[in-house]
Amino acid sequence: MILRKTIEERERLILINEAAFSSASRGRGIKEEDDEIRTAFMVDRDRIIHSKSFRRLKHKTQVYIKTWGDHYRTRLTHTLEVAQIGKTIARGIGINEDLVEAIAMGHDIGHVAFAHNGEEVLDELVPGGFRHNENSIRVLTKIERQGLGLNLTKEVLDGILHHSGFSNANSESFTLEGQVVRYSDKIAYVNHDIDDSIRAELLREEELPISSVKILGKSHSERIDTLVKDCIYNTINNINKGIIKVSLSEEIGSALMELRGFMFKKIYMGNVLKTEREKAKFVLEQVFNYFIKNPNKMPELYINIVEEEGLYRGVADYISGMSDDYCLLLFNSIYVPKIVVY
């Protein structure tokens, strides 16, 4: 008995017609046999979770603040929150939770150390720029498994590629599930970054925009509850009208955008973290420049990439995979003088 077929049949009975059905997946780059038990999207989720790149997310910064505290988010905990929010929205709408989970688990796997500060550094240093969503695809298709990649489905890769950004309709995922992750990402990070900033005493609750708080709620849980419910009901309403699109209502969406804009001004790009941002950028830039001059010091995988795709591509791949701790360790070993006893 092939249990996977039973699960696929159950999807047909439970999910709405506009959902992405695993039995109708657009497939993988390299054709392979189906699993006996797991659907294609379940397999993808498991491959991502068991990857080395996924494990490194636990030591990559979400927002560059007091990361030594046990309760501050990392890229890994952010990823888990996105997945849970996304699965709730998916179940409410009636679309494929497994696909949402797979996309969510991989959406930030290409992020650099030191949060967006690291991304900014590589974007300036790498010819053609650097974007973490595109790098996530590269990690999953060309870096993992020593260059073999994970051979994920097109639906998962598309959702990961298009999770970033908020207003460009041309960059939306072709699945509702991918669109759900895009909204779940914003819902998660805006709210948990507020929570972390208050915990770090970089922000006070009273400083939040009054209009947004009035619409979304006064607490972390109230705001997420409001946003998740609105996303579900508004998307169902869209689909009933023949509009196959995930979205928030105008009022709720505007309130989220206002809150997001406030966080960019106050925390992400504000003066309160400016010194720490500059430190992080300095460290990453020095490590990058060292390997540009000494590419032979990198692991064999990245040396091969240098030979095949060029120096900057190979170094960018190596640097982007580093955790904060590993990058700092390398910086210290390269540039900090050692005590020498004569």
Protein backbone atom coordinates (compact mmCIF):
# COMPACT_ATOMS: atom_id res chain seq x y z
CA MET A 1 0.00 0.00 0.00
CA ILE A 2 1.38 3.42 -0.98
CA LEU A 3 0.27 5.79 1.78
CA ARG A 4 1.34 8.85 -0.20
CA LYS A 5 -1.58 8.33 -2.58
CA THR A 6 -3.99 8.30 0.35
CA ILE A 7 -2.61 11.62 1.53
CA GLU A 8 -2.84 13.04 -1.99
CA GLU A 9 -6.46 11.88 -2.26
CA ARG A 10 -7.19 13.50 1.10
CA GLU A 11 -5.80 16.78 -0.23
CA ARG A 12 -8.30 16.61 -3.11
CA LEU A 13 -11.16 16.16 -0.65
CA ILE A 14 -10.13 18.84 1.85
CA LEU A 15 -8.35 21.64 -0.01
CA ILE A 16 -10.00 24.27 -2.19
CA ASN A 17 -9.66 24.02 -5.97
CA GLU A 18 -7.19 26.93 -6.04
CA ALA A 19 -4.71 25.17 -3.73
CA ALA A 20 -1.46 23.61 -4.92
CA PHE A 21 -1.98 19.84 -4.93
CA SER A 22 1.13 17.77 -4.34
CA SER A 23 0.01 15.19 -6.90
CA ALA A 24 -0.05 17.94 -9.55
CA SER A 25 3.33 19.46 -8.71
CA ARG A 26 5.28 20.99 -11.59
CA GLY A 27 8.08 18.65 -10.59
CA ARG A 28 11.78 18.83 -9.80
CA GLY A 29 14.83 19.83 -11.81
CA ILE A 30 15.93 16.20 -11.79
CA LYS A 31 13.20 13.59 -12.02
CA GLU A 32 13.14 11.08 -9.17
CA GLU A 33 10.89 8.36 -7.77
CA ASP A 34 8.07 9.44 -5.46
CA ASP A 35 8.27 8.62 -1.77
CA GLU A 36 6.02 5.82 -0.47
CA ILE A 37 4.61 7.86 2.39
CA ARG A 38 5.43 11.53 1.96
CA THR A 39 4.06 13.84 -0.70
CA ALA A 40 6.46 15.91 -2.80
CA PHE A 41 6.07 18.96 -0.56
CA MET A 42 6.54 16.91 2.62
CA VAL A 43 9.80 15.57 1.16
CA ASP A 44 10.95 19.12 0.40
CA ARG A 45 10.17 20.30 3.93
CA ASP A 46 12.19 17.44 5.40
CA ARG A 47 15.14 17.99 3.08
CA ILE A 48 15.34 21.64 4.09
CA ILE A 49 15.01 20.96 7.82
CA HIS A 50 17.76 18.33 7.71
CA SER A 51 20.15 20.53 5.73
CA LYS A 52 23.29 22.10 7.19
CA SER A 53 22.20 25.55 6.04
CA PHE A 54 19.00 25.26 8.05
CA ARG A 55 20.90 24.34 11.22
CA ARG A 56 23.15 27.38 10.84
CA LEU A 57 20.11 29.66 11.12
CA LYS A 58 20.22 29.20 14.90
CA HIS A 59 23.40 31.30 15.00
CA LYS A 60 22.36 33.96 12.48
CA THR A 61 21.05 37.26 13.82
CA GLN A 62 17.46 38.33 13.24
CA VAL A 63 17.96 41.94 14.42
CA TYR A 64 21.43 42.97 15.57
CA ILE A 65 20.68 43.66 19.22
CA LYS A 66 21.49 41.86 22.49
CA THR A 67 21.64 38.43 20.93
CA TRP A 68 23.27 36.83 23.97
CA GLY A 69 19.89 36.75 25.77
CA ASP A 70 18.01 33.46 25.60
CA HIS A 71 14.72 35.04 24.54
CA TYR A 72 15.76 37.06 21.51
CA ARG A 73 14.82 35.76 18.08
CA THR A 74 17.39 34.28 15.74
CA ARG A 75 16.89 33.47 12.06
CA LEU A 76 15.84 29.99 13.15
CA THR A 77 13.16 31.06 15.61
CA HIS A 78 11.94 33.64 13.10
CA THR A 79 11.62 30.84 10.54
CA LEU A 80 9.57 28.73 12.94
CA GLU A 81 7.24 31.64 13.71
CA VAL A 82 6.73 32.31 10.01
CA ALA A 83 5.90 28.64 9.45
CA GLN A 84 3.34 28.54 12.25
CA ILE A 85 1.63 31.76 11.16
CA GLY A 86 1.64 30.54 7.56
CA LYS A 87 0.16 27.14 8.43
CA THR A 88 -2.66 28.77 10.40
CA ILE A 89 -3.49 31.04 7.47
CA ALA A 90 -3.24 28.12 5.03
CA ARG A 91 -5.61 25.97 7.06
CA GLY A 92 -8.07 28.84 7.39
CA ILE A 93 -8.10 29.44 3.64
CA GLY A 94 -8.07 25.74 2.76
CA ILE A 95 -4.77 25.47 0.91
CA ASN A 96 -1.72 23.20 1.21
CA GLU A 97 -0.10 23.45 4.65
CA ASP A 98 2.80 21.19 3.68
CA LEU A 99 3.80 23.48 0.83
CA VAL A 100 3.52 26.55 3.07
CA GLU A 101 5.69 24.87 5.68
CA ALA A 102 8.35 23.84 3.15
CA ILE A 103 8.55 27.36 1.70
CA ALA A 104 8.67 28.93 5.17
CA MET A 105 11.45 26.62 6.34
CA GLY A 106 13.63 27.61 3.39
CA HIS A 107 12.69 31.25 2.87
CA ASP A 108 15.61 32.80 4.82
CA ILE A 109 18.18 30.06 4.37
CA GLY A 110 20.29 32.37 2.16
CA HIS A 111 20.53 35.19 4.68
CA VAL A 112 23.96 36.50 5.62
CA ALA A 113 25.43 36.83 9.13
CA PHE A 114 24.50 39.99 11.07
CA ALA A 115 21.02 40.25 9.55
CA HIS A 116 20.39 42.80 6.80
CA ASN A 117 23.68 44.52 7.63
CA GLY A 118 25.50 41.56 6.12
CA GLU A 119 23.25 41.58 3.08
CA GLU A 120 24.01 45.27 2.52
CA VAL A 121 27.75 44.58 2.61
CA LEU A 122 27.60 41.79 0.04
CA ASP A 123 25.21 43.81 -2.10
CA GLU A 124 27.87 46.52 -2.31
CA LEU A 125 30.85 44.20 -2.80
CA VAL A 126 29.52 41.54 -5.19
CA PRO A 127 29.26 42.51 -8.88
CA GLY A 128 25.58 42.49 -9.81
CA GLY A 129 24.53 42.85 -6.19
CA PHE A 130 23.31 40.36 -3.61
CA ARG A 131 19.73 39.54 -2.54
CA HIS A 132 19.03 37.00 0.18
CA ASN A 133 15.96 35.50 -1.52
CA GLU A 134 17.95 34.74 -4.67
CA ASN A 135 20.78 33.42 -2.54
CA SER A 136 18.36 31.09 -0.75
CA ILE A 137 17.63 29.49 -4.13
CA ARG A 138 21.34 29.20 -4.86
CA VAL A 139 22.04 27.57 -1.49
CA LEU A 140 19.25 25.04 -1.97
CA THR A 141 20.06 24.21 -5.59
CA LYS A 142 23.84 24.61 -5.88
CA ILE A 143 25.51 24.66 -2.44
CA GLU A 144 23.79 22.06 -0.28
CA ARG A 145 25.01 18.45 -0.42
CA GLN A 146 28.46 19.58 -1.55
CA GLY A 147 27.15 21.23 -4.67
CA LEU A 148 24.47 18.70 -5.64
CA GLY A 149 21.58 20.70 -4.21
CA LEU A 150 18.37 19.37 -2.67
CA ASN A 151 16.40 18.95 -5.92
CA LEU A 152 13.29 20.68 -4.58
CA THR A 153 9.99 21.14 -6.39
CA LYS A 154 9.37 24.21 -8.51
CA GLU A 155 6.53 25.30 -6.19
CA VAL A 156 8.82 25.45 -3.16
CA LEU A 157 11.62 27.24 -5.01
CA ASP A 158 9.19 29.75 -6.49
CA GLY A 159 7.69 30.53 -3.06
CA ILE A 160 11.14 31.06 -1.55
CA LEU A 161 12.26 33.28 -4.42
CA HIS A 162 9.19 35.50 -4.16
CA HIS A 163 8.81 35.75 -0.37
CA SER A 164 10.67 39.05 -0.14
CA GLY A 165 9.24 42.50 -0.76
CA PHE A 166 5.75 43.73 -0.09
CA SER A 167 4.31 45.92 -2.81
CA ASN A 168 5.57 44.61 -6.15
CA ALA A 169 2.73 42.53 -7.61
CA ASN A 170 5.00 41.34 -10.43
CA SER A 171 7.13 39.43 -7.93
CA GLU A 172 4.34 37.32 -6.44
CA SER A 173 4.53 33.57 -6.20
CA PHE A 174 2.42 31.59 -8.68
CA THR A 175 0.91 29.62 -5.76
CA LEU A 176 -1.37 30.93 -3.04
CA GLU A 177 0.87 29.07 -0.61
CA GLY A 178 3.89 31.10 -1.66
CA GLN A 179 1.89 34.29 -1.29
CA VAL A 180 0.85 33.23 2.23
CA VAL A 181 4.50 32.89 3.27
CA ARG A 182 5.23 36.35 1.92
CA TYR A 183 2.59 37.83 4.24
CA SER A 184 3.47 35.52 7.13
CA ASP A 185 7.07 36.71 6.97
CA LYS A 186 6.03 40.35 7.38
CA ILE A 187 3.48 39.57 10.09
CA ALA A 188 6.10 37.62 12.03
CA TYR A 189 9.11 39.90 11.82
CA VAL A 190 7.37 43.23 12.36
CA ASN A 191 5.74 41.94 15.53
CA HIS A 192 8.54 39.87 17.01
CA ASP A 193 11.09 42.59 16.27
CA ILE A 194 8.90 44.99 18.26
CA ASP A 195 8.84 42.44 21.07
CA ASP A 196 12.63 41.99 21.00
CA SER A 197 13.26 45.74 20.81
CA ILE A 198 11.08 46.35 23.87
CA ARG A 199 12.90 43.54 25.71
CA ALA A 200 16.24 45.15 24.82
CA GLU A 201 14.93 48.51 26.11
CA LEU A 202 15.50 50.09 22.71
CA LEU A 203 11.81 50.79 22.30
CA ARG A 204 8.82 51.51 24.52
CA GLU A 205 5.29 50.31 23.79
CA GLU A 206 4.05 53.89 24.00
CA GLU A 207 6.27 54.89 21.08
CA LEU A 208 4.41 52.69 18.59
CA PRO A 209 2.18 54.59 16.13
CA ILE A 210 -1.15 55.14 17.89
CA SER A 211 -3.19 54.64 14.72
CA SER A 212 -1.60 51.23 14.04
CA VAL A 213 -2.01 50.08 17.62
CA LYS A 214 -5.65 51.14 17.60
CA ILE A 215 -6.35 49.03 14.50
CA LEU A 216 -4.09 46.02 15.11
CA GLY A 217 -4.03 45.74 18.89
CA LYS A 218 -2.00 46.76 21.92
CA SER A 219 -0.13 43.51 22.50
CA HIS A 220 2.06 41.18 20.44
CA SER A 221 -0.57 38.42 20.41
CA GLU A 222 -3.45 40.80 19.64
CA ARG A 223 -1.66 42.20 16.61
CA ILE A 224 -0.79 38.78 15.18
CA ASP A 225 -4.34 37.56 15.81
CA THR A 226 -5.79 40.56 13.97
CA LEU A 227 -3.42 40.19 11.01
CA VAL A 228 -3.84 36.42 10.64
CA LYS A 229 -7.63 36.57 10.76
CA ASP A 230 -7.76 39.47 8.33
CA CYS A 231 -5.47 37.66 5.89
CA ILE A 232 -7.67 34.56 6.00
CA TYR A 233 -11.02 36.33 5.61
CA ASN A 234 -9.81 38.82 3.03
CA THR A 235 -8.21 36.08 0.91
CA ILE A 236 -11.35 33.93 1.07
CA ASN A 237 -13.33 36.98 -0.04
CA ASN A 238 -10.89 37.52 -2.93
CA ILE A 239 -11.24 33.91 -4.10
CA ASN A 240 -15.04 34.04 -3.88
CA LYS A 241 -14.88 37.03 -6.23
CA GLY A 242 -12.63 35.15 -8.64
CA ILE A 243 -9.48 37.00 -7.54
CA ILE A 244 -6.86 34.33 -6.85
CA LYS A 245 -4.70 36.39 -4.54
CA VAL A 246 -3.64 36.47 -0.89
CA SER A 247 -3.97 39.90 0.69
CA LEU A 248 -4.89 41.91 3.74
CA SER A 249 -7.76 44.37 3.79
CA GLU A 250 -6.81 47.94 2.95
CA GLU A 251 -7.18 49.16 6.54
CA ILE A 252 -5.22 46.31 8.14
CA GLY A 253 -2.58 46.29 5.41
CA SER A 254 -1.99 50.02 5.79
CA ALA A 255 -1.67 49.66 9.56
CA LEU A 256 0.95 46.91 9.11
CA MET A 257 2.87 49.03 6.61
CA GLU A 258 2.84 51.97 9.02
CA LEU A 259 4.18 49.76 11.81
CA ARG A 260 6.83 48.32 9.47
CA GLY A 261 7.88 51.80 8.38
CA PHE A 262 8.17 52.87 12.01
CA MET A 263 10.45 49.90 12.76
CA PHE A 264 12.71 50.71 9.82
CA LYS A 265 13.05 54.30 10.96
CA LYS A 266 13.41 53.61 14.68
CA ILE A 267 15.22 50.26 14.87
CA TYR A 268 16.44 48.74 11.59
CA MET A 269 17.99 51.94 10.22
CA GLY A 270 17.76 54.15 13.30
CA ASN A 271 20.57 55.72 15.30
CA VAL A 272 20.01 53.40 18.26
CA LEU A 273 21.76 50.50 16.48
CA LYS A 274 23.99 52.50 14.17
CA THR A 275 27.25 51.74 16.01
CA GLU A 276 26.55 48.01 16.14
CA ARG A 277 25.53 47.95 12.48
CA GLU A 278 28.81 49.59 11.49
CA LYS A 279 30.81 47.11 13.58
CA ALA A 280 29.05 44.19 11.90
CA LYS A 281 29.61 45.60 8.44
CA PHE A 282 33.28 46.22 9.18
CA VAL A 283 33.83 42.63 10.34
CA LEU A 284 32.07 41.12 7.34
CA GLU A 285 33.83 43.37 4.84
CA GLN A 286 37.27 42.52 6.25
CA VAL A 287 36.57 38.79 6.14
CA PHE A 288 35.27 39.12 2.58
CA ASN A 289 38.34 41.03 1.44
CA TYR A 290 40.65 38.48 3.05
CA PHE A 291 39.19 35.62 1.02
CA ILE A 292 39.17 37.71 -2.16
CA LYS A 293 42.95 37.91 -1.70
CA ASN A 294 43.28 34.33 -0.40
CA PRO A 295 40.62 32.18 -2.09
CA ASN A 296 42.75 29.08 -1.60
CA LYS A 297 42.05 29.35 2.15
CA MET A 298 38.40 28.49 1.59
CA PRO A 299 36.96 24.94 1.69
CA GLU A 300 37.28 22.90 -1.50
CA LEU A 301 33.62 23.38 -2.51
CA TYR A 302 34.07 27.14 -2.75
CA ILE A 303 37.46 26.91 -4.44
CA ASN A 304 35.72 24.86 -7.14
CA ILE A 305 33.04 27.53 -7.48
CA VAL A 306 35.77 30.16 -7.92
CA GLU A 307 37.26 28.12 -10.74
CA GLU A 308 33.89 27.54 -12.42
CA GLU A 309 31.98 30.77 -11.78
CA GLY A 310 34.52 33.35 -10.71
CA LEU A 311 36.25 34.71 -7.63
CA TYR A 312 33.49 36.97 -6.28
CA ARG A 313 30.81 34.31 -6.73
CA GLY A 314 32.81 31.72 -4.78
CA VAL A 315 33.70 34.09 -1.95
CA ALA A 316 30.12 35.38 -1.73
CA ASP A 317 28.84 31.81 -1.43
CA TYR A 318 31.29 31.08 1.37
CA ILE A 319 30.65 34.32 3.28
CA SER A 320 26.85 34.13 2.97
CA GLY A 321 26.78 30.70 4.57
CA MET A 322 28.61 31.81 7.71
CA SER A 323 26.86 32.21 11.04
CA ASP A 324 27.57 35.32 13.14
CA ASP A 325 29.75 33.33 15.53
CA TYR A 326 31.78 31.68 12.76
CA CYS A 327 32.34 35.00 10.99
CA LEU A 328 33.56 36.60 14.22
CA LEU A 329 35.79 33.59 14.90
CA LEU A 330 37.38 33.90 11.46
CA PHE A 331 37.81 37.66 11.85
CA ASN A 332 39.62 37.13 15.17
CA SER A 333 41.82 34.36 13.82
CA ILE A 334 42.77 36.43 10.75
CA TYR A 335 43.18 39.93 12.16
CA VAL A 336 43.56 39.83 15.96
CA PRO A 337 47.22 39.39 17.09
CA LYS A 338 47.99 36.28 19.08
CA ILE A 339 50.00 36.24 22.28
CA VAL A 340 53.46 34.95 21.50
CA VAL A 341 55.68 33.63 24.29
CA TYR A 342 59.46 33.73 23.60
